[in-house]
Protein backbone atom coordinates (compact mmCIF):
# COMPACT_ATOMS: atom_id res chain seq x y z
CA MET A 1 181.88 88.32 110.54
CA TRP A 2 180.17 89.42 107.56
CA PHE A 3 179.48 85.80 106.83
CA LEU A 4 177.61 85.30 110.17
CA GLY A 5 175.53 88.25 109.70
CA LEU A 6 174.39 87.09 106.13
CA SER A 7 173.51 83.66 107.70
CA ALA A 8 171.45 85.06 110.37
CA GLY A 9 169.54 87.37 107.83
CA LEU A 10 168.63 84.37 105.65
CA VAL A 11 167.48 82.35 108.67
CA ILE A 12 165.24 85.39 109.40
CA ILE A 13 163.78 85.47 105.96
CA ILE A 14 163.21 81.69 105.73
CA LEU A 15 161.41 81.91 109.12
CA CYS A 16 159.21 84.83 107.85
CA VAL A 17 158.43 83.02 104.78
CA ALA A 18 157.56 79.72 106.75
CA LEU A 19 155.31 81.89 108.98
CA TYR A 20 153.51 83.42 106.27
CA ARG A 21 152.97 80.00 104.60
CA ALA A 22 151.51 78.69 107.90
CA ARG A 23 149.52 81.70 108.29
CA ALA A 24 148.03 81.29 104.57
CA SER A 25 147.70 77.69 105.22
CA SER A 26 145.73 78.24 108.31
CA GLN A 27 143.55 80.87 106.81
CA ALA A 28 142.84 78.44 103.86
CA LEU A 29 142.10 75.70 106.37
CA SER A 30 139.89 77.91 108.31
CA ALA A 31 137.92 78.87 104.99
CA GLU A 32 137.75 75.47 104.10
CA LEU A 33 136.22 74.33 107.24
CA LYS A 34 133.98 77.31 107.10
CA ASP A 35 132.85 76.06 103.70
CA MET A 36 132.42 72.45 104.84
CA GLY A 37 130.27 73.83 107.61
CA TYR A 38 128.05 75.76 105.38
CA THR A 39 127.69 72.55 103.03
CA LEU A 40 126.55 70.39 106.01
CA TYR A 41 124.24 73.26 106.84
CA GLN A 42 122.79 73.24 103.48
CA MET A 43 122.38 69.42 103.36
CA GLN A 44 120.64 69.67 106.77
CA GLN A 45 118.18 72.28 105.56
CA ARG A 46 117.52 70.51 102.47
CA LEU A 47 116.97 67.34 104.41
CA PHE A 48 114.40 69.08 106.74
CA SER A 49 112.86 70.87 103.67
CA ARG A 50 112.07 67.46 102.01
CA GLU A 51 110.75 65.73 104.95
CA PRO A 52 107.19 66.87 104.14
CA HIS A 53 107.50 64.99 100.82
CA TYR A 54 107.61 61.78 102.65
CA GLN A 55 104.41 62.10 104.48
CA ASP A 56 100.92 63.44 103.77
CA SER A 57 100.21 66.26 106.12
CA LEU A 58 96.74 65.51 106.71
CA THR A 59 96.68 61.72 107.17
CA ALA A 60 100.28 61.10 108.12
CA LEU A 61 100.30 58.39 105.51
CA ILE A 62 103.59 58.06 103.36
CA SER A 63 103.63 60.55 100.23
CA TRP A 64 102.66 59.47 96.93
CA PRO A 65 106.21 59.71 95.58
CA MET A 66 107.64 57.23 98.37
CA PHE A 67 104.71 54.96 97.69
CA GLN A 68 105.46 54.73 94.07
CA ASP A 69 109.31 54.28 95.17
CA ARG A 70 108.20 51.43 97.51
CA LEU A 71 106.02 49.70 94.92
CA GLU A 72 109.03 49.77 92.42
CA GLN A 73 111.12 47.99 95.13
CA SER A 74 108.53 45.48 96.12
CA LEU A 75 107.84 44.35 92.66
CA ASN A 76 111.66 43.82 92.27
CA LEU A 77 111.61 41.67 95.21
CA CYS A 78 108.48 39.76 94.38
CA ALA A 79 110.06 38.96 90.88
CA ARG A 80 112.95 37.31 92.61
CA HIS A 81 111.06 35.56 95.04
CA GLN A 82 108.30 34.63 92.61
CA MET A 83 105.39 36.13 95.02
CA LEU A 84 102.28 38.11 94.17
CA LEU A 85 101.66 41.80 94.84
CA GLY A 86 98.42 43.47 94.86
CA VAL A 87 97.31 47.11 94.38
CA LEU A 88 94.12 48.50 95.72
CA TYR A 89 92.45 51.66 94.59
CA VAL A 90 90.00 52.57 97.47
CA ASP A 91 87.61 55.53 96.48
CA LEU A 92 85.13 57.05 98.97
CA ASP A 93 81.71 57.19 97.62
CA ASP A 94 79.76 60.65 97.60
CA PHE A 95 82.64 62.52 99.46
CA LYS A 96 82.02 65.75 97.69
CA VAL A 97 78.41 65.75 99.24
CA ILE A 98 79.92 65.34 102.60
CA ASN A 99 82.28 68.33 102.02
CA GLU A 100 79.66 70.42 100.81
CA ALA A 101 76.84 69.58 103.14
CA LEU A 102 78.95 69.47 106.56
CA SER A 103 82.14 71.62 105.64
CA TYR A 104 85.62 70.77 104.35
CA GLU A 105 86.89 70.55 108.05
CA VAL A 106 84.72 67.64 108.65
CA GLY A 107 85.69 66.25 105.50
CA ASP A 108 89.12 66.24 106.52
CA LEU A 109 88.42 64.48 109.93
CA LEU A 110 86.63 61.87 107.85
CA LEU A 111 89.77 61.40 105.73
CA LYS A 112 91.76 61.01 108.76
CA GLU A 113 89.65 58.59 110.37
CA VAL A 114 89.29 56.61 106.93
CA SER A 115 93.28 56.36 106.81
CA ALA A 116 93.23 54.99 110.35
CA ARG A 117 90.95 52.46 109.61
CA LEU A 118 92.38 51.23 106.34
CA GLN A 119 95.68 50.77 108.43
CA THR A 120 94.01 48.39 110.69
CA CYS A 121 93.24 46.25 107.61
CA ILE A 122 96.88 45.66 106.55
CA ARG A 123 100.22 44.36 107.68
CA GLN A 124 103.36 45.97 108.46
CA VAL A 125 105.01 45.00 105.13
CA ASP A 126 101.92 46.83 103.23
CA SER A 127 101.79 50.51 102.36
CA ILE A 128 99.11 53.14 102.00
CA SER A 129 99.16 56.43 100.35
CA ARG A 130 96.65 59.16 99.29
CA PRO A 131 97.43 60.49 95.77
CA ASN A 132 94.44 62.79 95.64
CA LYS A 133 91.73 64.17 98.09
CA ASP A 134 89.32 61.16 98.63
CA THR A 135 91.27 58.38 96.95
CA PHE A 136 93.56 55.86 98.78
CA VAL A 137 95.93 53.57 97.21
CA VAL A 138 97.09 50.34 98.98
CA MET A 139 99.98 48.06 98.40
CA LEU A 140 99.74 44.54 99.48
CA ASN A 141 103.10 42.99 99.58
CA ARG A 142 104.24 39.39 99.34
CA LEU A 143 100.96 37.73 98.66
CA SER A 144 100.63 33.84 98.59
CA ARG A 145 97.38 33.78 96.52
CA PRO A 146 95.07 35.97 94.90
CA GLU A 147 92.13 35.51 97.38
CA MET A 148 94.17 37.37 100.17
CA ALA A 149 93.65 40.73 97.94
CA ALA A 150 89.95 39.86 98.10
CA ILE A 151 89.93 39.23 101.89
CA VAL A 152 91.55 42.61 102.37
CA ALA A 153 89.28 44.36 100.08
CA GLU A 154 86.17 43.04 102.07
CA ARG A 155 87.75 43.81 105.27
CA MET A 156 88.32 47.41 104.19
CA LEU A 157 84.64 47.77 102.85
CA GLN A 158 83.36 46.71 106.27
CA ALA A 159 85.72 48.87 108.11
CA LEU A 160 84.88 52.05 106.21
CA ALA A 161 81.15 51.25 106.44
CA ASN A 162 80.76 51.44 110.15
CA PRO A 163 79.54 54.88 111.22
CA TYR A 164 81.58 57.92 112.08
CA LEU A 165 81.28 60.43 114.77
CA LEU A 166 83.10 63.63 113.42
CA ASP A 167 82.98 66.85 115.61
CA GLU A 168 79.71 65.45 117.15
CA ILE A 169 78.23 64.77 113.72
CA ALA A 170 77.28 61.32 112.92
CA VAL A 171 78.31 60.23 109.32
CA ASN A 172 77.97 57.44 107.34
CA VAL A 173 80.16 56.79 104.13
CA SER A 174 80.82 53.70 101.96
CA ALA A 175 83.76 52.99 99.45
CA THR A 176 84.36 51.44 96.15
CA ILE A 177 87.76 49.35 95.48
CA GLY A 178 89.59 48.38 92.22
CA VAL A 179 92.10 45.62 92.55
CA SER A 180 95.08 44.67 90.28
CA LEU A 181 97.61 41.98 90.70
CA TYR A 182 101.28 41.28 89.79
CA PRO A 183 102.19 39.61 87.60
CA GLN A 184 98.97 38.53 85.95
CA ASP A 185 97.74 41.93 85.22
CA ALA A 186 100.82 43.99 84.78
CA ALA A 187 104.44 43.49 85.35
CA ASP A 188 105.59 47.17 86.10
CA ALA A 189 104.25 49.71 88.41
CA VAL A 190 102.66 52.29 86.36
CA SER A 191 100.74 49.70 84.36
CA LEU A 192 99.69 47.99 87.69
CA LEU A 193 98.36 51.37 88.95
CA ARG A 194 96.43 51.79 85.87
CA CYS A 195 94.77 48.36 85.96
CA ALA A 196 93.64 49.08 89.51
CA GLU A 197 92.31 52.48 88.67
CA GLN A 198 90.43 50.87 85.63
CA ALA A 199 89.03 48.06 87.89
CA LEU A 200 87.84 51.05 90.11
CA ARG A 201 85.87 52.55 87.44
CA MET A 202 84.15 49.23 86.62
CA ALA A 203 83.27 48.85 90.25
CA LYS A 204 81.57 52.23 90.17
CA SER A 205 79.66 51.39 87.38
CA LYS A 206 78.09 48.40 89.13
CA GLY A 207 77.43 50.52 92.29
CA LYS A 208 78.74 51.41 95.51
CA PHE A 209 80.15 49.30 98.31
CA THR A 210 81.86 46.58 96.17
CA TYR A 211 85.15 45.79 94.94
CA GLN A 212 86.19 44.66 91.37
CA PHE A 213 89.38 42.83 90.13
CA TYR A 214 90.92 44.00 86.86
CA GLN A 215 90.20 42.26 83.89
CA SER A 216 91.87 42.19 80.62
CA HIS A 217 88.86 43.43 78.40
CA LEU A 218 88.78 46.52 80.74
CA GLN A 219 91.80 48.07 79.11
CA ALA A 220 90.35 47.28 75.46
CA GLU A 221 87.10 48.85 76.45
CA SER A 222 88.85 51.95 77.66
CA VAL A 223 90.68 52.21 74.33
CA ARG A 224 87.51 51.88 72.60
CA VAL A 225 85.79 54.49 74.75
CA LEU A 226 88.79 56.90 74.04
CA ALA A 227 88.68 56.25 70.31
CA MET A 228 85.12 57.07 70.08
CA THR A 229 85.28 60.21 72.39
CA ASN A 230 88.14 61.57 70.22
CA HIS A 231 86.22 60.97 66.93
CA LEU A 232 82.97 62.43 68.05
CA ALA A 233 84.61 65.77 68.49
CA THR A 234 85.16 65.92 64.89
CA GLN A 235 82.77 66.62 62.05
CA GLU A 236 84.37 63.52 60.17
CA VAL A 237 81.94 61.47 62.38
CA PHE A 238 78.79 62.28 60.15
CA ASN A 239 80.52 60.85 57.20
CA GLU A 240 80.94 57.44 59.00
CA LEU A 241 77.16 57.32 60.22
CA GLU A 242 74.67 55.02 58.43
CA VAL A 243 70.95 55.31 58.74
CA TYR A 244 68.78 52.02 58.93
CA TYR A 245 65.02 51.63 58.54
CA GLN A 246 62.88 48.94 59.94
CA PRO A 247 58.96 48.82 59.24
CA ILE A 248 56.51 48.86 62.07
CA MET A 249 53.27 47.12 60.67
CA ASN A 250 49.71 47.14 61.59
CA VAL A 251 48.93 43.51 61.09
CA ALA A 252 45.09 44.14 61.58
CA SER A 253 44.95 46.32 58.22
CA ASN A 254 48.29 44.93 56.73
CA THR A 255 49.65 48.45 56.23
CA MET A 256 53.00 50.19 57.29
CA GLN A 257 52.10 52.10 60.48
CA ALA A 258 55.69 53.66 60.63
CA MET A 259 59.25 53.36 59.60
CA GLU A 260 61.61 53.26 62.37
CA VAL A 261 64.92 54.99 61.88
CA SER A 262 68.29 53.66 63.61
CA LEU A 263 71.71 54.78 63.53
CA HIS A 264 74.92 52.61 62.93
CA TRP A 265 78.45 54.11 63.25
CA ASN A 266 81.14 52.67 61.05
CA HIS A 267 84.11 53.85 63.24
CA PRO A 268 87.48 53.61 61.37
CA GLU A 269 89.33 52.18 64.62
CA VAL A 270 86.87 50.19 66.62
CA GLY A 271 84.51 49.07 63.85
CA LEU A 272 80.72 48.90 64.08
CA VAL A 273 79.22 50.87 67.01
CA LEU A 274 75.58 50.29 67.47
CA GLN A 275 72.84 52.90 68.22
CA ASP A 276 72.56 52.61 72.18
CA GLU A 277 76.44 52.78 72.41
CA LEU A 278 76.58 55.61 70.03
CA PHE A 279 74.02 57.61 72.01
CA SER A 280 75.67 57.14 75.31
CA SER A 281 79.12 58.15 74.05
CA ALA A 282 77.61 61.26 72.43
CA ASP A 283 75.64 62.21 75.54
CA ARG A 284 78.84 62.08 77.55
CA GLN A 285 80.43 64.26 75.09
CA ARG A 286 77.46 66.70 74.66
CA ARG A 287 77.09 65.90 71.13
CA LEU A 288 73.68 63.91 71.29
CA ASN A 289 71.61 66.75 69.94
CA ALA A 290 74.01 67.18 66.94
CA ILE A 291 73.87 63.62 66.09
CA THR A 292 70.02 63.55 66.55
CA ASP A 293 69.78 66.56 64.32
CA TRP A 294 71.85 65.05 61.48
CA MET A 295 69.78 61.87 61.86
CA MET A 296 66.47 63.61 61.79
CA GLN A 297 67.46 65.83 58.79
CA LYS A 298 68.60 62.52 56.82
CA ALA A 299 65.53 60.55 57.74
CA CYS A 300 62.93 63.46 57.16
CA ARG A 301 64.38 63.98 53.56
CA GLN A 302 64.09 60.24 53.09
CA PHE A 303 60.44 60.04 54.07
CA LEU A 304 59.64 63.02 51.86
CA ASN A 305 61.17 61.19 48.99
CA TRP A 306 59.17 58.09 49.62
CA HIS A 307 55.95 60.12 49.63
CA ALA A 308 57.02 61.83 46.49
CA LEU A 309 57.13 58.35 45.04
CA LYS A 310 53.72 57.47 46.43
CA LEU A 311 55.32 55.21 48.91
CA GLN A 312 53.49 55.54 52.08
CA PRO A 313 54.75 54.82 55.55
CA GLN A 314 52.37 56.81 57.78
CA LEU A 315 54.89 57.80 60.24
CA LEU A 316 58.52 58.41 60.70
CA ALA A 317 59.67 56.80 63.99
CA VAL A 318 63.04 58.66 65.49
CA PRO A 319 64.55 57.62 68.76
CA VAL A 320 65.57 60.17 71.27
CA ARG A 321 66.57 60.30 74.79
CA LEU A 322 64.23 61.32 77.53
CA LYS A 323 67.16 63.58 78.80
CA GLN A 324 66.98 65.67 75.43
CA PHE A 325 63.62 67.10 76.72
CA GLU A 326 65.32 68.79 79.63
CA ASP A 327 66.75 71.34 77.26
CA THR A 328 64.03 73.36 75.48
CA GLN A 329 66.45 74.31 72.72
CA PHE A 330 66.19 70.68 71.57
CA ILE A 331 62.29 71.04 70.95
CA TYR A 332 63.02 74.75 69.29
CA ARG A 333 65.71 73.08 66.95
CA LEU A 334 63.09 70.47 66.04
CA SER A 335 60.40 72.84 65.20
CA GLN A 336 62.95 74.84 63.15
CA LEU A 337 64.00 71.69 61.29
CA LEU A 338 60.35 70.70 60.47
CA GLN A 339 59.51 73.95 59.07
CA GLN A 340 62.73 74.18 57.07
CA LEU A 341 61.94 70.67 55.43
CA HIS A 342 58.25 71.41 55.12
CA PHE A 343 57.56 68.26 57.11
CA ASN A 344 54.23 67.54 58.56
CA PRO A 345 54.68 67.45 62.37
CA SER A 346 51.92 64.77 62.65
CA SER A 347 53.80 62.38 60.67
CA LEU A 348 56.91 62.32 63.12
CA LEU A 349 56.82 59.98 65.91
CA LEU A 350 59.46 60.21 68.73
CA LEU A 351 60.34 57.13 70.37
CA VAL A 352 61.50 58.31 73.82
CA GLN A 353 64.04 56.14 75.65
CA GLU A 354 65.45 56.60 78.95
CA THR A 355 68.52 55.40 80.52
CA GLY A 356 68.39 56.43 84.28
CA ALA A 357 68.67 60.17 84.11
CA VAL A 358 66.15 62.05 86.26
CA VAL A 359 64.45 64.81 84.52
CA PRO A 360 62.29 67.40 86.61
CA LEU A 361 58.63 66.87 85.85
CA ALA A 362 58.12 70.59 85.23
CA GLN A 363 60.62 70.25 82.54
CA LEU A 364 59.03 67.30 81.05
CA GLU A 365 55.67 69.03 81.17
CA LYS A 366 57.01 72.10 79.19
CA ALA A 367 58.58 69.81 76.71
CA PHE A 368 55.29 67.84 76.07
CA ASN A 369 53.14 70.85 75.80
CA MET A 370 55.60 72.10 73.12
CA LEU A 371 55.22 68.89 71.29
CA THR A 372 51.47 68.88 71.58
CA TYR A 373 51.32 72.24 70.24
CA LEU A 374 53.56 71.10 67.28
CA GLY A 375 51.34 68.12 66.69
CA VAL A 376 54.28 65.71 66.95
CA ARG A 377 53.41 62.20 68.26
CA VAL A 378 55.34 60.48 71.23
CA ALA A 379 55.92 56.79 72.07
CA MET A 380 57.05 55.70 75.55
CA ASP A 381 59.40 52.74 75.52
CA GLU A 382 58.97 50.22 78.16
CA ARG A 383 62.53 50.17 78.96
CA LEU A 384 61.97 53.39 80.88
CA SER A 385 64.29 52.72 84.12
CA SER A 386 63.50 55.82 86.23
CA HIS A 387 61.42 55.28 89.51
CA PHE A 388 57.95 56.69 88.27
CA PRO A 389 57.27 55.48 84.70
CA LEU A 390 53.54 55.05 85.80
CA THR A 391 53.38 58.76 86.59
CA TYR A 392 54.67 59.71 82.94
CA LEU A 393 51.74 57.61 81.76
CA LYS A 394 49.33 59.52 84.13
CA GLN A 395 50.73 62.94 83.61
CA PHE A 396 51.73 63.19 79.87
CA HIS A 397 50.03 62.18 76.75
CA PHE A 398 51.72 59.44 74.89
CA HIS A 399 50.37 58.00 71.56
CA TYR A 400 52.00 54.53 71.91
CA LEU A 401 53.30 52.51 74.86
CA ARG A 402 56.16 50.26 73.03
CA ILE A 403 57.41 47.06 74.75
CA GLU A 404 60.55 45.33 73.57
CA LYS A 405 61.66 41.51 72.93
CA PRO A 406 62.37 40.66 76.64
CA ILE A 407 58.82 40.99 77.43
CA ILE A 408 57.31 38.86 74.77
CA GLU A 409 60.04 36.51 73.81
CA ASP A 410 58.19 33.55 75.87
CA VAL A 411 54.72 34.61 74.87
CA LEU A 412 53.97 31.23 73.31
CA THR A 413 54.57 29.19 76.38
CA ASN A 414 54.28 31.58 79.45
CA MET A 415 50.70 32.27 80.70
CA LYS A 416 51.77 35.14 82.92
CA THR A 417 53.43 36.84 79.70
CA GLN A 418 50.15 36.48 77.81
CA ALA A 419 48.26 37.84 80.65
CA LEU A 420 50.66 40.79 80.83
CA VAL A 421 50.26 41.43 77.25
CA THR A 422 46.35 41.29 77.38
CA SER A 423 46.43 43.55 80.33
CA MET A 424 48.67 46.17 78.58
CA VAL A 425 46.50 46.00 75.44
CA LEU A 426 43.36 47.21 77.87
CA LEU A 427 45.60 49.55 79.66
CA THR A 428 46.60 51.52 76.27
CA GLN A 429 43.10 51.52 75.09
CA GLN A 430 41.72 52.97 78.43
CA LEU A 431 44.54 55.68 77.99
CA SER A 432 43.78 56.36 74.44
CA MET A 433 47.20 54.92 73.30
CA GLN A 434 48.10 51.85 71.16
CA LEU A 435 50.32 49.06 72.35
CA MET A 436 53.34 48.59 69.98
CA VAL A 437 55.34 45.41 70.36
CA ALA A 438 58.96 45.03 69.19
CA GLY A 439 61.28 41.98 68.77
CA VAL A 440 58.70 39.92 66.99
CA GLU A 441 60.79 37.12 65.47
CA THR A 442 58.54 34.39 64.50
CA GLU A 443 55.28 33.72 62.51
CA ALA A 444 53.95 31.88 65.68
CA GLN A 445 54.77 34.72 67.92
CA LYS A 446 52.99 37.14 65.48
CA GLU A 447 49.76 34.85 65.43
CA LYS A 448 49.74 34.83 69.27
CA LEU A 449 50.13 38.36 69.64
CA VAL A 450 47.32 39.07 67.30
CA ALA A 451 45.13 36.59 69.28
CA LEU A 452 45.92 38.68 72.31
CA GLY A 453 44.79 41.75 70.82
CA VAL A 454 47.87 43.27 69.35
CA ASP A 455 47.84 45.24 66.20
CA CYS A 456 51.07 47.14 65.98
CA MET A 457 54.20 45.02 65.63
CA GLN A 458 57.93 45.29 64.66
CA GLY A 459 60.57 42.60 64.31
CA ALA A 460 62.31 40.01 61.92
CA ALA A 461 58.75 38.27 61.31
CA LEU A 462 57.67 41.61 59.68
CA GLY A 463 60.87 43.15 58.08
CA LEU A 464 64.39 43.58 58.85
CA ALA A 465 66.37 46.76 59.39
CA LEU A 466 67.79 47.75 56.19
CA THR A 467 69.74 50.68 54.83
CA GLU A 468 68.29 53.05 52.11
CA ARG A 469 69.80 51.10 49.15
CA GLN A 470 68.80 47.70 50.63
CA LEU A 471 65.26 49.15 51.27
CA ALA A 472 64.99 50.23 47.68
CA ASP A 473 66.26 47.04 46.27
CA SER A 474 63.89 44.76 48.27
CA LEU A 475 60.90 47.03 47.36
CA ILE A 476 59.87 46.37 50.94
CA LEU A 477 57.62 49.61 50.80
CA GLN A 478 55.59 48.43 48.13
């Protein structure tokens, strides 16, 4: 009997252990299921939270990360099937003006309409995204020939040029497009995008409402500009500048009327940089006044040395940009420099060049009044490209009007050129000025210009541009 009691007790113990294990297993299973449910919830929340990253909230275009991913995949596909792919950078012209003049809300409406119009110009296999405020990037997938990208670009320009009605406001806007192609321009997505962006910058430099295909020299030019920009920010640049001097002759009296100064930059990476490119690069970096100041000091000291040696050019001609007159500090610094060097202001001739920047007439009037007070002479270069150069001649006093080689290069054979030179001689005489002709390359040109009444000339026929040492060696001043 005791045996039966013991067996029953063991059975009860085993059943209790089994029930305990079952309960524990059930709790573990319940906890595991609960954890799985929480994990699924987390995944769902992450998915929902990432959804905006797949779409531009304003235009409903695909997001920039997704566009880049599609571009990578499409490039792989085009590589396998030996097909072309195009990337278009589309930039709205003067979008900032629309934002500021009409409101940011109207600007957003415009961006929505632009995205809608761009989508009508492409196929389903193509893609559009908006990486920043007013720039759209388009991928043209599986092109059979390069001309297809040009066709799409022209279609987009026309579509975007049609008037917009935004919140009952009529708006007109144009666009500029840069185009790059796989595989001829680049083999990877990053390089292809960069090429299209460089093509866009080139298109903008040509004007609005146009498109430009990438050209290989664009990258070399960008590298060149970057190298100059970085170097201009250092003081080392002044050790790399070299001053050249070229005589301006009065052929009637056979005397040197002036010595013109020009700068060459011997850049350690890009090589020789001529004055126009140097001035433009320095202007962009706000270093033009510093470069001009250095050139002025160097040339004025050399001019004073010549006079100490009884070598007598009458004037020192120094090139400046019209834009520099907008800052009165430039004139103040010029006055200070002349005083420090004991340089006679009437011996200085500023050759005013203009590159399209519009300077308010009030600012110019103030600058010219200050120059007149100082006694500095001024010459106007006929390359003035603003829309009112004749107003300059009427309103300000210039001592010289200078015309360049393109005007007189056919003076021997072109009757209109001869008539133009004769008229300009009379015009300058009536305005109490003197005509200065640059780019005289041959003795025949020189003789013809003398016959037309020109006395003041410069060019290879009268003396080349030389360094200080070359000038001393040649004894050109004697």
